[in-house]
Amino acid sequence: MTVTIQRLRIKEFLQASKGKLILDVRSPGEYGHAHIPSATSFPLFTDEERKIVGTTYKQKSREDAIRTGLDFFSPKMKKMVEDVEEMLGRPDSTSAVKLEVFIYCWRGGMRSAAIAWLLDLYGFQVYTLARGYKAFRNHVLETFEQPVELKVLGGYTGSGKTEVLNELAKHGEIVIDLEKLASHKGSAFGSFKMPPQPSQEMFENLLSVELNEKVLSPGLSTGTLWLEDESQRIGDLNLPNTLWEVMRKSPIVFLEIPFEERLNHIVEEYGECEKEKLIDSTRRISQRLGGLDAKITMELLEEGNVREAFSILLRYYDKRYLKGLHNRENISTLLTKIHCDAVTPKNALQLTKPQPV
C-alpha cells in the first residue's frame, strides 16, 4: 500500500485543517495545559504511560522506549480507529476523495507518526504537523510581533464596554473580546459568572488564532481592530507585551457615562452574586481600597446594602482607571471622549459615526 501521509508546515497545516478534524495525540495533561484551539484530545498515551515511556527512554534506550510504547499502543488500535470512524465516518475505498484527519504531537515525532500510520493504513487521508505543537507555539509568539492597527474602547467600570464591542461586531467592525478569551472581566469581581481562566499559554493560543482569523491572514479586508482598554493583567493572565505596547499607543475612544447609570448597571450585573463571594473579593483588595473603605464596604455587603457597597467600589475603580488612562504618552492626542446618557449597546452607533476633527 502506498503511504499517503502528508507532512505540512504550520501555516499550511492551519490553513488546510480549517473546519476539519484535528487530533492532538499528546497526553491529557499536555492537552489540558494548552493546545491548538480547534483540536480534539486523542491521546496515544495516558499521563502515566507517557511518564513510563519517557523514563525508559532516559534510563535505557530509544528502542526500549519504543517497545514499551508499543505495549501501550497495541491494545488501543482498534478502539482508536472506531473513535475516528465515529467522528468522521467509515473511509470509502472506492472513492477518490478520502476523509481527512490532521494530527500533531509535541515535536512531530513518534506519537503522531504512530497514529498517522494506523489511520492511513485504515484508509483515511492523514496530514501531520511538522515539528508538532512546538511549531504552533512559535507561530503564536510570532503573531504578536506583527503590526496591527488598533482602536481602544475605553470607559470607567460599569460602562458596558463588552456589550458595545459586541454591537460593533454586529455592525461589521473587527472586534476581539479579550475578557471573553481570558474568562475574566478584569476587576476583583471579574471571575464571577465566568468559566475558569485558561492557562497563560492557552490564552495566548486563543488570542493568536483570533488575530490571524480577523486581521493578519492574507486576503482579509483591511480594517481597524477594536479592543477594550485593559490593564496588562486580566485576572491571572497577562497580555503579550508587544500587543500591550501597541494598545497604549493607539487611539482610545472613551465612553463618558454618568456615575449613577454605571452604578445601576453594576448592581444589575453583580447584585445577585453570593454575599460571601462579594465580601471575599473585597477583602482581597482591602489594602488598595483603604482600610476604612474596605471595612465599610464589607459591612454594607453583610447587611445586604449592595448599592451603597458598590458605590464605594466604583469610585475606587474610577480613580484607578483614570490613573491608568492618563499614564500614556501623548494621551491628549490619543483620547476622544463621547458623552452617553446611559449604559446601552446602542452607544456603539456613536463610535461608527465620523468624529469631528
Protein backbone atom coordinates (compact mmCIF):
# COMPACT_ATOMS: atom_id res chain seq x y z
CA MET A 1 0.00 0.00 0.00
CA THR A 2 1.29 3.44 -0.94
CA VAL A 3 1.81 5.68 2.05
CA THR A 4 -0.22 8.87 1.57
CA ILE A 5 0.61 10.64 4.83
CA GLN A 6 1.47 14.27 4.13
CA ARG A 7 3.65 16.33 6.44
CA LEU A 8 2.70 20.02 6.49
CA ARG A 9 4.40 23.09 7.87
CA ILE A 10 2.48 25.13 10.40
CA LYS A 11 0.83 27.70 8.12
CA GLU A 12 -0.14 25.03 5.58
CA PHE A 13 -1.45 22.83 8.39
CA LEU A 14 -3.60 25.57 9.92
CA GLN A 15 -4.99 26.64 6.56
CA ALA A 16 -5.75 23.12 5.33
CA SER A 17 -7.29 21.98 8.63
CA LYS A 18 -9.92 24.73 8.91
CA GLY A 19 -13.23 23.07 9.66
CA LYS A 20 -11.59 19.61 9.65
CA LEU A 21 -10.83 17.10 12.38
CA ILE A 22 -7.58 17.90 14.21
CA LEU A 23 -6.31 15.32 16.69
CA ASP A 24 -3.93 16.28 19.48
CA VAL A 25 -2.30 12.95 20.32
CA ARG A 26 -0.30 14.23 23.29
CA SER A 27 -1.22 13.14 26.80
CA PRO A 28 -4.36 14.53 28.51
CA GLY A 29 -2.20 16.66 30.81
CA GLU A 30 -0.37 18.29 27.89
CA TYR A 31 -3.65 18.96 26.10
CA GLY A 32 -5.28 20.30 29.25
CA HIS A 33 -2.47 22.80 29.75
CA ALA A 34 -2.71 24.22 26.22
CA HIS A 35 -3.43 23.09 22.66
CA ILE A 36 -4.40 24.29 19.20
CA PRO A 37 -7.85 25.73 19.98
CA SER A 38 -9.78 23.73 17.36
CA ALA A 39 -8.08 20.41 18.21
CA THR A 40 -9.69 17.36 19.85
CA SER A 41 -7.81 15.45 22.54
CA PHE A 42 -6.90 12.00 21.19
CA PRO A 43 -4.06 10.78 23.41
CA LEU A 44 -1.78 7.95 22.37
CA PHE A 45 -0.67 7.55 25.99
CA THR A 46 -2.20 8.42 29.33
CA ASP A 47 -0.18 10.80 31.51
CA GLU A 48 1.20 7.85 33.47
CA GLU A 49 2.07 5.88 30.31
CA ARG A 50 3.84 8.90 28.86
CA LYS A 51 5.88 9.18 32.05
CA ILE A 52 6.87 5.50 31.88
CA VAL A 53 7.90 5.74 28.22
CA GLY A 54 9.93 8.88 28.91
CA THR A 55 11.68 7.31 31.87
CA THR A 56 12.51 4.23 29.81
CA TYR A 57 13.98 6.42 27.08
CA LYS A 58 16.20 8.28 29.54
CA GLN A 59 17.29 5.31 31.67
CA LYS A 60 17.55 2.61 28.99
CA SER A 61 17.35 3.37 25.27
CA ARG A 62 15.21 4.67 22.45
CA GLU A 63 14.49 1.11 21.32
CA ASP A 64 13.34 0.05 24.78
CA ALA A 65 11.09 3.11 24.96
CA ILE A 66 9.52 2.22 21.59
CA ARG A 67 8.86 -1.35 22.71
CA THR A 68 7.27 -0.07 25.93
CA GLY A 69 5.17 2.37 23.91
CA LEU A 70 4.01 -0.41 21.60
CA ASP A 71 2.82 -2.39 24.62
CA PHE A 72 0.56 0.54 25.48
CA PHE A 73 -0.43 1.33 21.87
CA SER A 74 -1.30 -2.11 20.54
CA PRO A 75 -4.40 -2.79 22.68
CA LYS A 76 -5.82 0.65 21.78
CA MET A 77 -5.51 0.45 17.99
CA LYS A 78 -8.95 -0.95 17.20
CA LYS A 79 -10.70 1.47 19.56
CA MET A 80 -8.80 4.43 18.07
CA VAL A 81 -9.93 3.53 14.56
CA GLU A 82 -13.51 3.14 15.76
CA ASP A 83 -13.38 6.51 17.54
CA VAL A 84 -12.17 8.30 14.41
CA GLU A 85 -14.85 6.49 12.38
CA GLU A 86 -17.44 7.81 14.80
CA MET A 87 -16.12 11.34 14.31
CA LEU A 88 -15.67 11.20 10.53
CA GLY A 89 -17.43 8.15 9.17
CA ARG A 90 -16.03 5.00 7.54
CA PRO A 91 -13.50 5.54 4.72
CA ASP A 92 -14.76 4.57 1.26
CA SER A 93 -12.01 2.65 -0.52
CA THR A 94 -13.76 3.16 -3.88
CA SER A 95 -13.88 6.94 -3.57
CA ALA A 96 -11.16 9.19 -4.94
CA VAL A 97 -11.88 11.63 -2.10
CA LYS A 98 -10.70 10.38 1.29
CA LEU A 99 -11.90 11.52 4.68
CA GLU A 100 -9.25 13.85 6.07
CA VAL A 101 -7.71 13.91 9.53
CA PHE A 102 -4.97 16.22 10.85
CA ILE A 103 -2.62 15.04 13.60
CA TYR A 104 0.04 16.59 15.81
CA CYS A 105 2.08 15.71 18.90
CA TRP A 106 4.73 17.70 20.79
CA ARG A 107 7.56 17.72 18.23
CA GLY A 108 6.00 15.92 15.28
CA GLY A 109 7.72 12.69 16.28
CA MET A 110 6.79 9.14 17.22
CA ARG A 111 3.37 9.73 18.75
CA SER A 112 1.87 11.47 15.74
CA ALA A 113 3.71 9.10 13.40
CA ALA A 114 2.21 6.04 15.13
CA ILE A 115 -1.40 7.22 14.93
CA ALA A 116 -0.88 8.64 11.44
CA TRP A 117 0.37 5.21 10.28
CA LEU A 118 -2.66 3.47 11.80
CA LEU A 119 -5.26 5.81 10.31
CA ASP A 120 -3.51 5.92 6.94
CA LEU A 121 -3.42 2.11 6.89
CA TYR A 122 -7.15 2.03 7.53
CA GLY A 123 -7.90 4.40 4.67
CA PHE A 124 -8.06 7.96 5.96
CA GLN A 125 -6.18 10.81 4.30
CA VAL A 126 -3.75 11.82 7.03
CA TYR A 127 -1.77 15.04 7.49
CA THR A 128 0.77 15.59 10.25
CA LEU A 129 2.25 18.82 11.57
CA ALA A 130 5.98 19.18 11.00
CA ARG A 131 7.68 19.92 14.35
CA GLY A 132 4.33 19.45 16.08
CA TYR A 133 2.81 21.68 18.75
CA LYS A 134 6.18 23.32 19.23
CA ALA A 135 5.84 24.80 15.73
CA PHE A 136 2.39 26.10 16.60
CA ARG A 137 3.74 27.83 19.72
CA ASN A 138 6.45 29.55 17.68
CA HIS A 139 3.73 30.65 15.25
CA VAL A 140 1.71 32.06 18.19
CA LEU A 141 4.62 34.11 19.51
CA GLU A 142 5.41 35.39 16.00
CA THR A 143 1.79 36.55 15.67
CA PHE A 144 2.25 39.10 18.42
CA GLU A 145 5.17 40.66 16.56
CA GLN A 146 3.00 41.50 13.53
CA PRO A 147 1.86 45.13 13.11
CA VAL A 148 -1.81 45.69 13.93
CA GLU A 149 -3.87 48.88 13.63
CA LEU A 150 -5.98 49.30 16.76
CA LYS A 151 -8.72 51.40 18.27
CA VAL A 152 -9.18 51.00 22.01
CA LEU A 153 -12.60 51.29 23.63
CA GLY A 154 -12.30 53.00 27.00
CA GLY A 155 -14.67 53.90 29.78
CA TYR A 156 -14.99 53.63 33.54
CA THR A 157 -16.11 50.37 35.15
CA GLY A 158 -19.79 49.71 34.50
CA SER A 159 -19.85 51.45 31.11
CA GLY A 160 -20.96 48.28 29.29
CA LYS A 161 -17.89 48.19 27.07
CA THR A 162 -18.24 44.49 26.31
CA GLU A 163 -21.83 44.97 25.16
CA VAL A 164 -20.72 47.87 22.95
CA LEU A 165 -17.96 45.75 21.42
CA ASN A 166 -20.47 43.02 20.63
CA GLU A 167 -22.71 45.60 18.97
CA LEU A 168 -19.77 46.93 16.95
CA ALA A 169 -19.13 43.40 15.68
CA LYS A 170 -22.78 43.15 14.57
CA HIS A 171 -22.22 46.31 12.52
CA GLY A 172 -19.26 44.79 10.69
CA GLU A 173 -16.42 46.16 12.81
CA ILE A 174 -13.43 43.93 13.59
CA VAL A 175 -13.54 43.10 17.30
CA ILE A 176 -11.67 40.82 19.71
CA ASP A 177 -13.14 40.37 23.18
CA LEU A 178 -10.05 39.99 25.39
CA GLU A 179 -12.10 39.40 28.53
CA LYS A 180 -14.00 36.55 26.89
CA LEU A 181 -10.74 34.90 25.82
CA ALA A 182 -9.31 35.39 29.32
CA SER A 183 -12.54 34.27 31.05
CA HIS A 184 -12.28 37.28 33.35
CA LYS A 185 -13.69 40.82 33.43
CA GLY A 186 -10.63 42.43 34.91
CA SER A 187 -11.75 43.62 38.35
CA ALA A 188 -11.64 41.86 41.71
CA PHE A 189 -15.11 40.57 40.80
CA GLY A 190 -14.06 39.64 37.26
CA SER A 191 -14.27 35.89 37.72
CA PHE A 192 -17.97 35.99 38.68
CA LYS A 193 -20.28 34.30 36.15
CA MET A 194 -17.24 33.30 34.09
CA PRO A 195 -15.71 29.86 33.40
CA PRO A 196 -12.27 29.09 34.88
CA GLN A 197 -9.42 31.02 33.28
CA PRO A 198 -7.25 29.16 30.77
CA SER A 199 -3.52 28.82 31.28
CA GLN A 200 -1.36 31.72 30.13
CA GLU A 201 -0.21 29.60 27.20
CA MET A 202 -3.75 28.71 26.17
CA PHE A 203 -4.83 32.35 26.41
CA GLU A 204 -2.03 33.28 24.04
CA ASN A 205 -3.07 30.47 21.67
CA LEU A 206 -6.67 31.68 21.61
CA LEU A 207 -5.62 35.30 21.07
CA SER A 208 -3.24 34.34 18.27
CA VAL A 209 -5.96 32.43 16.42
CA GLU A 210 -8.34 35.41 16.73
CA LEU A 211 -5.71 37.83 15.43
CA ASN A 212 -4.89 35.61 12.47
CA GLU A 213 -8.51 34.89 11.59
CA LYS A 214 -9.63 38.51 11.85
CA VAL A 215 -6.75 40.76 10.80
CA LEU A 216 -3.49 39.04 9.89
CA SER A 217 -4.29 36.30 7.37
CA PRO A 218 -3.61 37.15 3.69
CA GLY A 219 -6.70 38.16 1.74
CA LEU A 220 -8.59 39.66 4.68
CA SER A 221 -10.12 43.08 4.13
CA THR A 222 -8.13 45.77 5.86
CA GLY A 223 -9.65 47.48 8.85
CA THR A 224 -9.05 48.69 12.35
CA LEU A 225 -9.28 46.20 15.19
CA TRP A 226 -11.30 47.23 18.25
CA LEU A 227 -10.10 46.08 21.69
CA GLU A 228 -11.32 47.03 25.15
CA ASP A 229 -8.97 49.13 27.23
CA GLU A 230 -7.42 46.76 29.77
CA SER A 231 -4.62 46.72 32.26
CA GLN A 232 -1.90 44.36 31.12
CA ARG A 233 -3.10 41.80 33.66
CA ILE A 234 -6.57 40.28 33.27
CA GLY A 235 -7.20 38.15 36.32
CA ASP A 236 -4.23 35.79 36.49
CA LEU A 237 -3.27 36.29 32.84
CA ASN A 238 -1.05 38.81 31.08
CA LEU A 239 -1.49 40.40 27.68
CA PRO A 240 1.56 39.82 25.45
CA ASN A 241 4.00 42.70 25.90
CA THR A 242 4.10 43.68 22.23
CA LEU A 243 0.31 43.87 21.93
CA TRP A 244 0.07 45.77 25.22
CA GLU A 245 2.58 48.34 23.99
CA VAL A 246 0.59 48.86 20.78
CA MET A 247 -2.61 49.30 22.79
CA ARG A 248 -1.00 52.00 24.91
CA LYS A 249 -0.03 53.95 21.80
CA SER A 250 -3.32 53.54 19.93
CA PRO A 251 -6.29 55.94 19.73
CA ILE A 252 -8.71 55.47 22.61
CA VAL A 253 -12.42 56.27 22.39
CA PHE A 254 -13.76 56.90 25.89
CA LEU A 255 -17.44 56.38 26.74
CA GLU A 256 -18.33 59.13 29.21
CA ILE A 257 -21.37 57.85 31.14
CA PRO A 258 -22.87 59.31 34.37
CA PHE A 259 -21.83 57.62 37.61
CA GLU A 260 -25.39 56.69 38.64
CA GLU A 261 -26.06 55.00 35.31
CA ARG A 262 -22.92 52.92 35.64
CA LEU A 263 -23.76 52.08 39.24
CA ASN A 264 -27.20 50.84 38.14
CA HIS A 265 -25.50 48.61 35.56
CA ILE A 266 -23.04 47.17 38.08
CA VAL A 267 -25.78 46.46 40.64
CA GLU A 268 -27.82 44.70 37.95
CA GLU A 269 -24.81 42.66 36.83
CA TYR A 270 -23.39 41.63 40.22
CA GLY A 271 -26.15 42.34 42.73
CA GLU A 272 -27.39 38.75 42.86
CA CYS A 273 -23.95 37.21 43.38
CA GLU A 274 -23.37 35.35 46.63
CA LYS A 275 -22.73 37.72 49.51
CA GLU A 276 -19.70 35.78 50.76
CA LYS A 277 -18.05 35.89 47.34
CA LEU A 278 -18.51 39.66 47.16
CA ILE A 279 -17.06 40.07 50.65
CA ASP A 280 -14.10 37.78 49.90
CA SER A 281 -13.33 39.70 46.71
CA THR A 282 -13.49 42.99 48.58
CA ARG A 283 -11.18 41.62 51.26
CA ARG A 284 -8.57 40.77 48.59
CA ILE A 285 -8.34 44.42 47.53
CA SER A 286 -8.75 45.88 51.02
CA GLN A 287 -5.19 47.22 51.19
CA ARG A 288 -5.56 49.12 47.91
CA LEU A 289 -9.13 50.16 48.69
CA GLY A 290 -8.08 51.54 52.08
CA GLY A 291 -8.79 50.05 55.49
CA LEU A 292 -11.79 52.20 56.35
CA ASP A 293 -13.48 51.97 52.94
CA ALA A 294 -12.89 48.22 52.85
CA LYS A 295 -14.42 47.83 56.33
CA ILE A 296 -17.48 49.92 55.44
CA THR A 297 -17.93 48.10 52.11
CA MET A 298 -17.85 44.67 53.73
CA GLU A 299 -20.27 45.79 56.43
CA LEU A 300 -22.66 47.10 53.78
CA LEU A 301 -22.43 43.84 51.87
CA GLU A 302 -23.06 41.89 55.05
CA GLU A 303 -26.19 44.00 55.63
CA GLY A 304 -27.34 43.40 52.05
CA ASN A 305 -26.88 47.04 51.04
CA VAL A 306 -25.27 46.15 47.73
CA ARG A 307 -25.85 49.51 46.05
CA GLU A 308 -24.00 51.57 48.67
CA ALA A 309 -21.20 48.99 48.79
CA PHE A 310 -20.79 49.09 45.02
CA SER A 311 -20.86 52.88 45.10
CA ILE A 312 -17.68 52.85 47.20
CA LEU A 313 -16.07 50.21 44.98
CA LEU A 314 -16.99 52.04 41.79
CA ARG A 315 -15.35 55.26 42.97
CA TYR A 316 -12.21 53.26 43.80
CA TYR A 317 -12.11 51.71 40.32
CA ASP A 318 -12.80 55.10 38.69
CA LYS A 319 -9.67 56.52 40.36
CA ARG A 320 -7.57 53.52 39.29
CA TYR A 321 -8.83 53.66 35.72
CA LEU A 322 -8.29 57.41 35.44
CA LYS A 323 -4.70 56.98 36.58
CA GLY A 324 -4.09 54.23 34.03
CA LEU A 325 -5.80 56.20 31.28
CA HIS A 326 -3.53 59.20 31.68
CA ASN A 327 -0.41 57.13 32.23
CA ARG A 328 0.12 57.15 28.47
CA GLU A 329 2.39 59.21 26.30
CA ASN A 330 0.54 61.74 24.14
CA ILE A 331 -2.80 60.99 25.81
CA SER A 332 -4.18 64.38 24.72
CA THR A 333 -3.82 63.39 21.06
CA LEU A 334 -4.96 59.79 21.52
CA LEU A 335 -8.12 60.40 23.58
CA THR A 336 -11.59 61.06 22.18
CA LYS A 337 -14.46 61.36 24.67
CA ILE A 338 -18.02 60.53 23.67
CA HIS A 339 -20.82 61.50 26.03
CA CYS A 340 -23.50 58.84 26.51
CA ASP A 341 -26.64 59.26 28.61
CA ALA A 342 -26.99 55.60 29.59
CA VAL A 343 -25.30 52.21 29.57
CA THR A 344 -26.54 50.54 26.39
CA PRO A 345 -25.12 48.61 23.43
CA LYS A 346 -26.59 51.35 21.22
CA ASN A 347 -23.65 53.54 22.26
CA ALA A 348 -21.80 51.63 19.53
CA LEU A 349 -23.68 53.69 16.96
CA GLN A 350 -21.85 56.82 18.13
CA LEU A 351 -18.49 55.09 17.60
CA THR A 352 -19.15 54.35 13.94
CA LYS A 353 -20.04 57.96 13.13
CA PRO A 354 -17.28 60.22 11.77
CA GLN A 355 -15.84 62.17 14.70
CA PRO A 356 -15.14 65.91 14.43
CA VAL A 357 -11.50 66.80 13.89
